[in-house]
Amino acid sequence: SSVDNRFRDQCVSVRGQLVGWRSKDWEKLNHRFNDSLTTVANLTFQKQRNDTYLRLTFFTTRKNQGRESCSQWYFKVDDRECTPNSINGYAYRKTPTPVSSRSEMSSTIVGVCKGTEDGDILSGTHEISMHVQPCPWQTDGTWKPRTGFRTTTTMLVEELCPPQQHLPRQCNLTTTC
């Protein structure tokens, strides 16, 4: 039909319509770090279209050890952070107890990425990775994060149509938009 032909090469966004997705699980990843930048986990994703976005999700248990420690977990696409905003999460721990004290928490880091400093993320094969580093002000050497402590860690990459620029009418619980 003429309607089908008109939209055949367009990504029609209907409530974040998925183009494709991929996930990977690690059972008890239990990734330990030293005091250097470290890649936690990665997966390869085949992006289908140039005009789409990537929704990146990472679920794990994060753990900080030390009297005062701060860690930042963040996504990269092809070894570049998303722009204009990084997709990241922080874990900060400050306690008067001894350095051996620790903090474990379930954590989800999620965000939408259109591009990196190199421009839009085009169709093709891309390496999606999660990294960790000390917070910029962490200088006392007590930085000791762990990822995937005693749980399953999951990375999910979803290719989404572009967001709607505006809705044609007001949406509520009783109407379909």
N, C-alpha and C. Protein backbone atom coordinates (compact mmCIF):
# COMPACT_ATOMS: atom_id res chain seq x y z
N SER A 1 0.84 -1.19 0.00
CA SER A 1 0.00 0.00 0.00
C SER A 1 0.87 1.24 0.00
N SER A 2 0.28 2.39 -0.33
CA SER A 2 1.04 3.63 -0.39
C SER A 2 1.54 4.06 0.98
N VAL A 3 0.81 3.76 2.03
CA VAL A 3 1.26 4.10 3.38
C VAL A 3 2.51 3.29 3.73
N ASP A 4 2.51 2.01 3.41
CA ASP A 4 3.67 1.17 3.69
C ASP A 4 4.90 1.68 2.96
N ASN A 5 4.76 2.03 1.69
CA ASN A 5 5.90 2.53 0.92
C ASN A 5 6.40 3.86 1.45
N ARG A 6 5.49 4.69 1.90
CA ARG A 6 5.88 6.01 2.40
C ARG A 6 6.77 5.90 3.64
N PHE A 7 6.53 4.92 4.50
CA PHE A 7 7.27 4.80 5.75
C PHE A 7 8.29 3.67 5.74
N ARG A 8 8.45 3.00 4.62
CA ARG A 8 9.32 1.84 4.55
C ARG A 8 10.74 2.14 5.01
N ASP A 9 11.30 3.27 4.63
CA ASP A 9 12.69 3.59 4.97
C ASP A 9 12.81 4.56 6.14
N GLN A 10 11.74 4.77 6.87
CA GLN A 10 11.79 5.65 8.03
C GLN A 10 11.63 4.83 9.29
N CYS A 11 12.22 5.30 10.36
CA CYS A 11 12.06 4.66 11.66
C CYS A 11 10.94 5.41 12.36
N VAL A 12 9.77 4.85 12.36
CA VAL A 12 8.60 5.49 12.95
C VAL A 12 8.62 5.21 14.45
N SER A 13 8.71 6.26 15.26
CA SER A 13 8.81 6.10 16.70
C SER A 13 7.44 5.99 17.33
N VAL A 14 7.15 4.83 17.86
CA VAL A 14 5.91 4.59 18.59
C VAL A 14 6.30 4.12 19.98
N ARG A 15 6.28 5.04 20.93
CA ARG A 15 6.63 4.72 22.31
C ARG A 15 7.95 3.96 22.41
N GLY A 16 8.98 4.46 21.78
CA GLY A 16 10.31 3.86 21.87
C GLY A 16 10.42 2.52 21.17
N GLN A 17 9.83 2.40 20.00
CA GLN A 17 9.85 1.15 19.24
C GLN A 17 11.27 0.62 19.10
N LEU A 18 11.42 -0.67 19.36
CA LEU A 18 12.72 -1.32 19.26
C LEU A 18 13.02 -1.72 17.83
N VAL A 19 14.25 -1.49 17.40
CA VAL A 19 14.72 -1.97 16.11
C VAL A 19 15.41 -3.32 16.33
N GLY A 20 16.16 -3.44 17.39
CA GLY A 20 16.86 -4.67 17.73
C GLY A 20 17.47 -4.56 19.11
N TRP A 21 17.86 -5.68 19.68
CA TRP A 21 18.48 -5.66 21.00
C TRP A 21 19.37 -6.88 21.19
N ARG A 22 20.26 -6.79 22.19
CA ARG A 22 21.13 -7.90 22.56
C ARG A 22 21.48 -7.76 24.04
N SER A 23 21.55 -8.88 24.74
CA SER A 23 21.97 -8.84 26.14
C SER A 23 23.01 -9.92 26.39
N LYS A 24 23.75 -9.73 27.47
CA LYS A 24 24.75 -10.70 27.87
C LYS A 24 24.76 -10.75 29.40
N ASP A 25 24.85 -11.96 29.94
CA ASP A 25 24.88 -12.15 31.39
C ASP A 25 26.21 -12.74 31.81
N TRP A 26 26.67 -12.34 32.99
CA TRP A 26 27.85 -12.91 33.61
C TRP A 26 27.44 -13.39 34.99
N GLU A 27 27.59 -14.66 35.26
CA GLU A 27 27.26 -15.21 36.58
C GLU A 27 28.43 -14.95 37.52
N LYS A 28 28.16 -14.24 38.59
CA LYS A 28 29.19 -13.94 39.60
C LYS A 28 30.46 -13.39 38.97
N LEU A 29 30.31 -12.32 38.24
CA LEU A 29 31.43 -11.67 37.57
C LEU A 29 32.57 -11.39 38.54
N ASN A 30 32.23 -10.87 39.71
CA ASN A 30 33.17 -10.64 40.80
C ASN A 30 34.47 -10.00 40.32
N HIS A 31 34.33 -8.94 39.54
CA HIS A 31 35.47 -8.25 38.94
C HIS A 31 36.13 -7.34 39.99
N ARG A 32 37.41 -7.57 40.24
CA ARG A 32 38.17 -6.77 41.21
C ARG A 32 39.06 -5.78 40.46
N PHE A 33 39.32 -4.67 41.11
CA PHE A 33 40.09 -3.61 40.47
C PHE A 33 41.32 -3.25 41.28
N ASN A 34 42.29 -2.73 40.59
CA ASN A 34 43.42 -2.09 41.23
C ASN A 34 43.18 -0.59 41.13
N ASP A 35 44.23 0.19 41.12
CA ASP A 35 44.05 1.63 41.08
C ASP A 35 44.19 2.20 39.67
N SER A 36 43.84 1.41 38.66
CA SER A 36 43.90 1.91 37.29
C SER A 36 42.54 1.74 36.61
N LEU A 37 42.33 2.49 35.54
CA LEU A 37 41.11 2.38 34.76
C LEU A 37 40.95 0.96 34.25
N THR A 38 39.75 0.39 34.41
CA THR A 38 39.55 -1.00 34.07
C THR A 38 38.24 -1.20 33.32
N THR A 39 38.27 -2.03 32.29
CA THR A 39 37.05 -2.43 31.61
C THR A 39 36.41 -3.55 32.41
N VAL A 40 35.14 -3.40 32.74
CA VAL A 40 34.41 -4.37 33.54
C VAL A 40 33.85 -5.48 32.66
N ALA A 41 33.14 -5.10 31.61
CA ALA A 41 32.46 -6.06 30.74
C ALA A 41 32.21 -5.41 29.39
N ASN A 42 32.03 -6.24 28.35
CA ASN A 42 31.71 -5.68 27.04
C ASN A 42 30.94 -6.68 26.20
N LEU A 43 30.30 -6.16 25.17
CA LEU A 43 29.65 -7.01 24.18
C LEU A 43 29.65 -6.29 22.85
N THR A 44 29.53 -7.06 21.78
CA THR A 44 29.48 -6.52 20.43
C THR A 44 28.02 -6.42 20.02
N PHE A 45 27.66 -5.27 19.40
CA PHE A 45 26.28 -5.04 18.99
C PHE A 45 26.25 -4.63 17.52
N GLN A 46 25.33 -5.20 16.77
CA GLN A 46 25.16 -4.86 15.35
C GLN A 46 24.02 -3.86 15.22
N LYS A 47 24.35 -2.59 15.01
CA LYS A 47 23.34 -1.53 14.87
C LYS A 47 22.82 -1.56 13.43
N GLN A 48 21.50 -1.51 13.28
CA GLN A 48 20.87 -1.68 11.97
C GLN A 48 20.71 -0.39 11.18
N ARG A 49 20.55 0.73 11.87
CA ARG A 49 20.20 1.97 11.17
C ARG A 49 21.11 3.13 11.61
N ASN A 50 21.23 4.13 10.76
CA ASN A 50 22.01 5.33 11.10
C ASN A 50 21.23 6.31 11.97
N ASP A 51 19.90 6.30 11.86
CA ASP A 51 19.08 7.34 12.51
C ASP A 51 18.52 6.90 13.86
N THR A 52 19.07 5.86 14.46
CA THR A 52 18.54 5.36 15.73
C THR A 52 19.46 5.70 16.90
N TYR A 53 18.94 5.43 18.09
CA TYR A 53 19.66 5.66 19.34
C TYR A 53 19.93 4.30 19.99
N LEU A 54 20.87 4.26 20.92
CA LEU A 54 21.12 3.06 21.71
C LEU A 54 20.73 3.33 23.16
N ARG A 55 19.87 2.45 23.69
CA ARG A 55 19.58 2.50 25.13
C ARG A 55 20.49 1.45 25.76
N LEU A 56 21.34 1.89 26.69
CA LEU A 56 22.34 1.04 27.32
C LEU A 56 21.96 0.82 28.78
N THR A 57 21.91 -0.44 29.20
CA THR A 57 21.53 -0.78 30.57
C THR A 57 22.55 -1.75 31.14
N PHE A 58 22.94 -1.52 32.38
CA PHE A 58 23.89 -2.38 33.08
C PHE A 58 23.37 -2.60 34.49
N PHE A 59 23.10 -3.87 34.84
CA PHE A 59 22.63 -4.21 36.17
C PHE A 59 23.66 -5.11 36.84
N THR A 60 24.01 -4.77 38.08
CA THR A 60 25.02 -5.53 38.81
C THR A 60 24.92 -5.22 40.30
N THR A 61 25.78 -5.84 41.05
CA THR A 61 26.01 -5.44 42.44
C THR A 61 27.37 -4.78 42.47
N ARG A 62 27.41 -3.56 43.02
CA ARG A 62 28.67 -2.83 43.12
C ARG A 62 29.10 -2.81 44.57
N LYS A 63 30.38 -2.76 44.77
CA LYS A 63 30.92 -2.79 46.12
C LYS A 63 32.12 -1.87 46.19
N ASN A 64 32.14 -1.03 47.21
CA ASN A 64 33.30 -0.18 47.49
C ASN A 64 33.88 -0.59 48.83
N GLN A 65 35.19 -0.67 48.90
CA GLN A 65 35.86 -0.95 50.16
C GLN A 65 36.71 0.25 50.52
N GLY A 66 36.86 0.47 51.81
CA GLY A 66 37.71 1.56 52.27
C GLY A 66 36.94 2.50 53.17
N ARG A 67 37.68 3.26 53.95
CA ARG A 67 37.06 4.22 54.87
C ARG A 67 36.31 5.29 54.10
N GLU A 68 36.93 5.77 53.05
CA GLU A 68 36.27 6.74 52.18
C GLU A 68 36.68 6.40 50.75
N SER A 69 35.70 6.03 49.94
CA SER A 69 36.00 5.67 48.56
C SER A 69 34.86 6.07 47.66
N CYS A 70 35.21 6.41 46.44
CA CYS A 70 34.21 6.82 45.46
C CYS A 70 34.63 6.24 44.11
N SER A 71 33.67 5.60 43.44
CA SER A 71 33.92 4.98 42.15
C SER A 71 32.86 5.42 41.15
N GLN A 72 33.26 5.52 39.91
CA GLN A 72 32.34 5.87 38.82
C GLN A 72 32.36 4.74 37.80
N TRP A 73 31.17 4.17 37.53
CA TRP A 73 30.99 3.19 36.46
C TRP A 73 30.38 3.92 35.28
N TYR A 74 30.85 3.65 34.05
CA TYR A 74 30.34 4.39 32.90
C TYR A 74 30.47 3.56 31.62
N PHE A 75 29.55 3.84 30.67
CA PHE A 75 29.53 3.16 29.38
C PHE A 75 30.45 3.84 28.38
N LYS A 76 30.96 3.03 27.45
CA LYS A 76 31.65 3.53 26.26
C LYS A 76 31.12 2.77 25.06
N VAL A 77 31.09 3.45 23.91
CA VAL A 77 30.75 2.84 22.64
C VAL A 77 31.98 3.02 21.75
N ASP A 78 32.56 1.94 21.29
CA ASP A 78 33.79 1.98 20.50
C ASP A 78 34.87 2.81 21.19
N ASP A 79 35.00 2.60 22.49
CA ASP A 79 36.02 3.24 23.33
C ASP A 79 35.84 4.76 23.47
N ARG A 80 34.62 5.24 23.26
CA ARG A 80 34.30 6.67 23.43
C ARG A 80 33.06 6.81 24.29
N GLU A 81 33.05 7.79 25.19
CA GLU A 81 31.86 8.04 26.00
C GLU A 81 30.78 8.72 25.17
N CYS A 82 29.54 8.48 25.57
CA CYS A 82 28.41 9.13 24.90
C CYS A 82 28.45 10.63 25.15
N THR A 83 27.98 11.40 24.16
CA THR A 83 27.88 12.85 24.31
C THR A 83 26.46 13.27 23.93
N PRO A 84 25.94 14.37 24.43
CA PRO A 84 26.65 15.34 25.27
C PRO A 84 26.76 14.91 26.73
N ASN A 85 26.07 13.84 27.14
CA ASN A 85 26.12 13.40 28.53
C ASN A 85 26.62 11.96 28.62
N SER A 86 27.52 11.73 29.55
CA SER A 86 28.00 10.38 29.82
C SER A 86 26.88 9.58 30.49
N ILE A 87 26.84 8.28 30.24
CA ILE A 87 25.89 7.39 30.93
C ILE A 87 26.69 6.73 32.04
N ASN A 88 26.44 7.14 33.29
CA ASN A 88 27.29 6.70 34.38
C ASN A 88 26.54 6.60 35.70
N GLY A 89 27.21 6.04 36.68
CA GLY A 89 26.70 5.97 38.03
C GLY A 89 27.87 5.98 39.00
N TYR A 90 27.64 6.59 40.16
CA TYR A 90 28.67 6.70 41.19
C TYR A 90 28.30 5.88 42.41
N ALA A 91 29.29 5.41 43.12
CA ALA A 91 29.11 4.80 44.44
C ALA A 91 30.10 5.48 45.37
N TYR A 92 29.58 6.13 46.40
CA TYR A 92 30.41 6.85 47.36
C TYR A 92 30.22 6.23 48.73
N ARG A 93 31.31 6.02 49.43
CA ARG A 93 31.27 5.41 50.75
C ARG A 93 32.16 6.20 51.68
N LYS A 94 31.61 6.65 52.82
CA LYS A 94 32.40 7.30 53.86
C LYS A 94 31.92 6.76 55.19
N THR A 95 32.86 6.22 55.95
CA THR A 95 32.51 5.61 57.23
C THR A 95 33.64 5.81 58.22
N PRO A 96 33.31 5.96 59.50
CA PRO A 96 34.36 6.10 60.51
C PRO A 96 34.99 4.77 60.90
N THR A 97 34.49 3.65 60.36
CA THR A 97 35.01 2.34 60.73
C THR A 97 36.32 2.06 59.99
N PRO A 98 37.00 0.98 60.33
CA PRO A 98 38.29 0.68 59.71
C PRO A 98 38.21 0.55 58.19
N VAL A 99 39.39 0.62 57.57
CA VAL A 99 39.51 0.58 56.11
C VAL A 99 38.89 -0.68 55.52
N SER A 100 38.81 -1.76 56.26
CA SER A 100 38.27 -3.01 55.72
C SER A 100 36.75 -2.99 55.57
N SER A 101 36.08 -1.94 56.04
CA SER A 101 34.62 -1.89 55.89
C SER A 101 34.26 -1.83 54.41
N ARG A 102 33.07 -2.32 54.08
CA ARG A 102 32.68 -2.34 52.68
C ARG A 102 31.18 -2.09 52.54
N SER A 103 30.80 -1.78 51.34
CA SER A 103 29.42 -1.45 51.03
C SER A 103 29.05 -2.18 49.75
N GLU A 104 27.96 -2.96 49.77
CA GLU A 104 27.49 -3.68 48.59
C GLU A 104 26.08 -3.20 48.27
N MET A 105 25.82 -2.96 46.98
CA MET A 105 24.49 -2.48 46.60
C MET A 105 24.16 -2.93 45.19
N SER A 106 22.88 -3.26 44.99
CA SER A 106 22.42 -3.52 43.62
C SER A 106 22.35 -2.19 42.90
N SER A 107 22.63 -2.23 41.64
CA SER A 107 22.72 -0.98 40.90
C SER A 107 22.32 -1.19 39.45
N THR A 108 21.59 -0.23 38.90
CA THR A 108 21.27 -0.21 37.48
C THR A 108 21.73 1.12 36.92
N ILE A 109 22.50 1.07 35.85
CA ILE A 109 22.91 2.27 35.13
C ILE A 109 22.26 2.19 33.77
N VAL A 110 21.51 3.22 33.40
CA VAL A 110 20.77 3.19 32.13
C VAL A 110 20.75 4.58 31.51
N GLY A 111 20.82 4.64 30.21
CA GLY A 111 20.75 5.91 29.50
C GLY A 111 20.62 5.67 28.01
N VAL A 112 20.37 6.76 27.28
CA VAL A 112 20.21 6.70 25.83
C VAL A 112 21.36 7.45 25.18
N CYS A 113 21.96 6.84 24.16
CA CYS A 113 23.13 7.39 23.50
C CYS A 113 22.86 7.55 22.00
N LYS A 114 23.02 8.76 21.51
CA LYS A 114 22.88 9.04 20.07
C LYS A 114 24.24 9.03 19.38
N GLY A 115 25.26 9.50 20.13
CA GLY A 115 26.57 9.61 19.52
C GLY A 115 27.67 9.75 20.55
N THR A 116 28.89 9.87 20.03
CA THR A 116 30.07 10.09 20.85
C THR A 116 30.78 11.33 20.32
N GLU A 117 31.94 11.62 20.85
CA GLU A 117 32.71 12.78 20.35
C GLU A 117 33.05 12.63 18.87
N ASP A 118 32.98 11.41 18.34
CA ASP A 118 33.25 11.17 16.93
C ASP A 118 32.04 11.41 16.05
N GLY A 119 30.88 11.72 16.63
CA GLY A 119 29.65 11.94 15.87
C GLY A 119 28.60 10.89 16.18
N ASP A 120 27.56 10.84 15.35
CA ASP A 120 26.49 9.87 15.54
C ASP A 120 27.03 8.45 15.44
N ILE A 121 26.38 7.53 16.14
CA ILE A 121 26.73 6.13 16.05
C ILE A 121 26.00 5.57 14.84
N LEU A 122 26.72 5.24 13.80
CA LEU A 122 26.14 4.79 12.54
C LEU A 122 25.88 3.29 12.57
N SER A 123 25.17 2.80 11.55
CA SER A 123 24.91 1.36 11.46
C SER A 123 26.23 0.62 11.34
N GLY A 124 26.23 -0.62 11.83
CA GLY A 124 27.43 -1.43 11.78
C GLY A 124 27.71 -2.09 13.12
N THR A 125 28.87 -2.70 13.23
CA THR A 125 29.26 -3.41 14.44
C THR A 125 29.94 -2.46 15.41
N HIS A 126 29.49 -2.50 16.67
CA HIS A 126 30.03 -1.61 17.71
C HIS A 126 30.35 -2.39 18.98
N GLU A 127 31.40 -1.97 19.66
CA GLU A 127 31.78 -2.55 20.94
C GLU A 127 31.22 -1.67 22.05
N ILE A 128 30.33 -2.26 22.86
CA ILE A 128 29.74 -1.56 23.99
C ILE A 128 30.44 -2.06 25.24
N SER A 129 30.94 -1.16 26.07
CA SER A 129 31.70 -1.59 27.24
C SER A 129 31.35 -0.77 28.48
N MET A 130 31.48 -1.40 29.64
CA MET A 130 31.31 -0.76 30.93
C MET A 130 32.68 -0.65 31.58
N HIS A 131 32.96 0.52 32.14
CA HIS A 131 34.26 0.81 32.75
C HIS A 131 34.06 1.31 34.16
N VAL A 132 35.13 1.31 34.94
CA VAL A 132 35.12 1.90 36.27
C VAL A 132 36.42 2.66 36.48
N GLN A 133 36.32 3.74 37.24
CA GLN A 133 37.49 4.53 37.60
C GLN A 133 37.20 5.23 38.92
N PRO A 134 38.24 5.70 39.59
CA PRO A 134 37.99 6.45 40.81
C PRO A 134 37.35 7.80 40.47
N CYS A 135 36.57 8.31 41.39
CA CYS A 135 36.03 9.66 41.20
C CYS A 135 37.19 10.64 41.10
N PRO A 136 37.00 11.77 40.40
CA PRO A 136 38.12 12.70 40.19
C PRO A 136 38.80 13.16 41.48
N TRP A 137 38.07 13.25 42.56
CA TRP A 137 38.63 13.73 43.81
C TRP A 137 39.20 12.60 44.67
N GLN A 138 39.13 11.35 44.22
CA GLN A 138 39.62 10.20 44.98
C GLN A 138 41.13 10.11 44.83
N THR A 139 41.86 10.57 45.84
CA THR A 139 43.32 10.62 45.72
C THR A 139 44.04 9.91 46.86
N ASP A 140 43.30 9.30 47.79
CA ASP A 140 43.97 8.76 48.98
C ASP A 140 44.39 7.30 48.86
N GLY A 141 44.17 6.67 47.69
CA GLY A 141 44.64 5.31 47.48
C GLY A 141 43.77 4.22 48.08
N THR A 142 42.61 4.55 48.65
CA THR A 142 41.76 3.52 49.26
C THR A 142 40.69 3.03 48.29
N TRP A 143 40.79 3.39 47.04
CA TRP A 143 39.80 3.03 46.03
C TRP A 143 39.89 1.55 45.71
N LYS A 144 38.85 0.77 46.08
CA LYS A 144 38.87 -0.68 45.84
C LYS A 144 37.47 -1.16 45.46
N PRO A 145 36.96 -0.83 44.27
CA PRO A 145 35.63 -1.28 43.88
C PRO A 145 35.62 -2.71 43.34
N ARG A 146 34.47 -3.34 43.44
CA ARG A 146 34.24 -4.64 42.82
C ARG A 146 32.88 -4.58 42.12
N THR A 147 32.76 -5.37 41.07
CA THR A 147 31.52 -5.39 40.28
C THR A 147 31.05 -6.83 40.15
N GLY A 148 29.74 -7.05 40.27
CA GLY A 148 29.17 -8.37 40.11
C GLY A 148 29.39 -9.27 41.29
N PHE A 149 29.46 -8.69 42.47
CA PHE A 149 29.74 -9.44 43.69
C PHE A 149 28.56 -10.34 44.05
N ARG A 150 28.73 -11.64 43.88
CA ARG A 150 27.76 -12.67 44.26
C ARG A 150 26.42 -12.60 43.53
N THR A 151 26.35 -11.97 42.37
CA THR A 151 25.10 -11.87 41.62
C THR A 151 25.36 -12.07 40.13
N THR A 152 24.28 -12.12 39.38
CA THR A 152 24.40 -12.11 37.92
C THR A 152 24.46 -10.67 37.45
N THR A 153 25.39 -10.37 36.59
CA THR A 153 25.53 -9.04 35.99
C THR A 153 24.97 -9.12 34.57
N THR A 154 24.18 -8.12 34.18
CA THR A 154 23.57 -8.11 32.86
C THR A 154 23.85 -6.80 32.15
N MET A 155 24.26 -6.90 30.87
CA MET A 155 24.36 -5.73 30.01
C MET A 155 23.33 -5.91 28.90
N LEU A 156 22.51 -4.88 28.68
CA LEU A 156 21.47 -4.90 27.66
C LEU A 156 21.65 -3.71 26.74
N VAL A 157 21.68 -3.95 25.43
CA VAL A 157 21.78 -2.88 24.44
C VAL A 157 20.53 -2.98 23.55
N GLU A 158 19.80 -1.87 23.43
CA GLU A 158 18.59 -1.82 22.63
C GLU A 158 18.72 -0.69 21.62
N GLU A 159 18.38 -0.97 20.38
CA GLU A 159 18.37 0.06 19.33
C GLU A 159 16.96 0.61 19.23
N LEU A 160 16.84 1.92 19.43
CA LEU A 160 15.54 2.58 19.47
C LEU A 160 15.36 3.57 18.33
N CYS A 161 14.12 3.70 17.88
CA CYS A 161 13.80 4.77 16.94
C CYS A 161 13.99 6.10 17.65
N PRO A 162 14.18 7.20 16.89
CA PRO A 162 14.35 8.52 17.52
C PRO A 162 13.13 8.87 18.37
N PRO A 163 13.33 9.71 19.39
CA PRO A 163 12.20 10.11 20.24
C PRO A 163 11.21 10.96 19.47
N GLN A 164 9.98 10.95 19.95
CA GLN A 164 8.96 11.80 19.35
C GLN A 164 9.30 13.25 19.67
N GLN A 165 9.17 14.11 18.68
CA GLN A 165 9.46 15.53 18.89
C GLN A 165 8.33 16.22 19.64
N HIS A 166 7.12 15.82 19.34
CA HIS A 166 5.95 16.35 20.05
C HIS A 166 4.80 15.38 19.84
N LEU A 167 3.87 15.39 20.75
CA LEU A 167 2.69 14.55 20.62
C LEU A 167 1.57 15.35 19.97
N PRO A 168 0.79 14.74 19.09
CA PRO A 168 -0.26 15.47 18.39
C PRO A 168 -1.39 15.92 19.30
N ARG A 169 -1.56 15.26 20.45
CA ARG A 169 -2.61 15.64 21.39
C ARG A 169 -2.19 15.21 22.79
N GLN A 170 -2.90 15.68 23.77
CA GLN A 170 -2.59 15.32 25.15
C GLN A 170 -2.89 13.84 25.39
N CYS A 171 -1.97 13.13 26.00
CA CYS A 171 -2.17 11.72 26.31
C CYS A 171 -2.54 11.58 27.78
N ASN A 172 -3.39 10.63 28.07
CA ASN A 172 -3.69 10.31 29.45
C ASN A 172 -3.91 8.80 29.57
N LEU A 173 -4.33 8.34 30.72
CA LEU A 173 -4.47 6.91 30.94
C LEU A 173 -5.55 6.27 30.08
N THR A 174 -6.51 7.03 29.59
CA THR A 174 -7.63 6.43 28.85
C THR A 174 -7.48 6.57 27.34
N THR A 175 -6.47 7.29 26.86
CA THR A 175 -6.31 7.45 25.41
C THR A 175 -5.08 6.72 24.92
N THR A 176 -5.06 6.37 23.68
CA THR A 176 -3.90 5.77 23.04
C THR A 176 -3.18 6.85 22.25
N CYS A 177 -1.90 6.97 22.44
CA CYS A 177 -1.14 8.01 21.76
C CYS A 177 -0.41 7.44 20.56
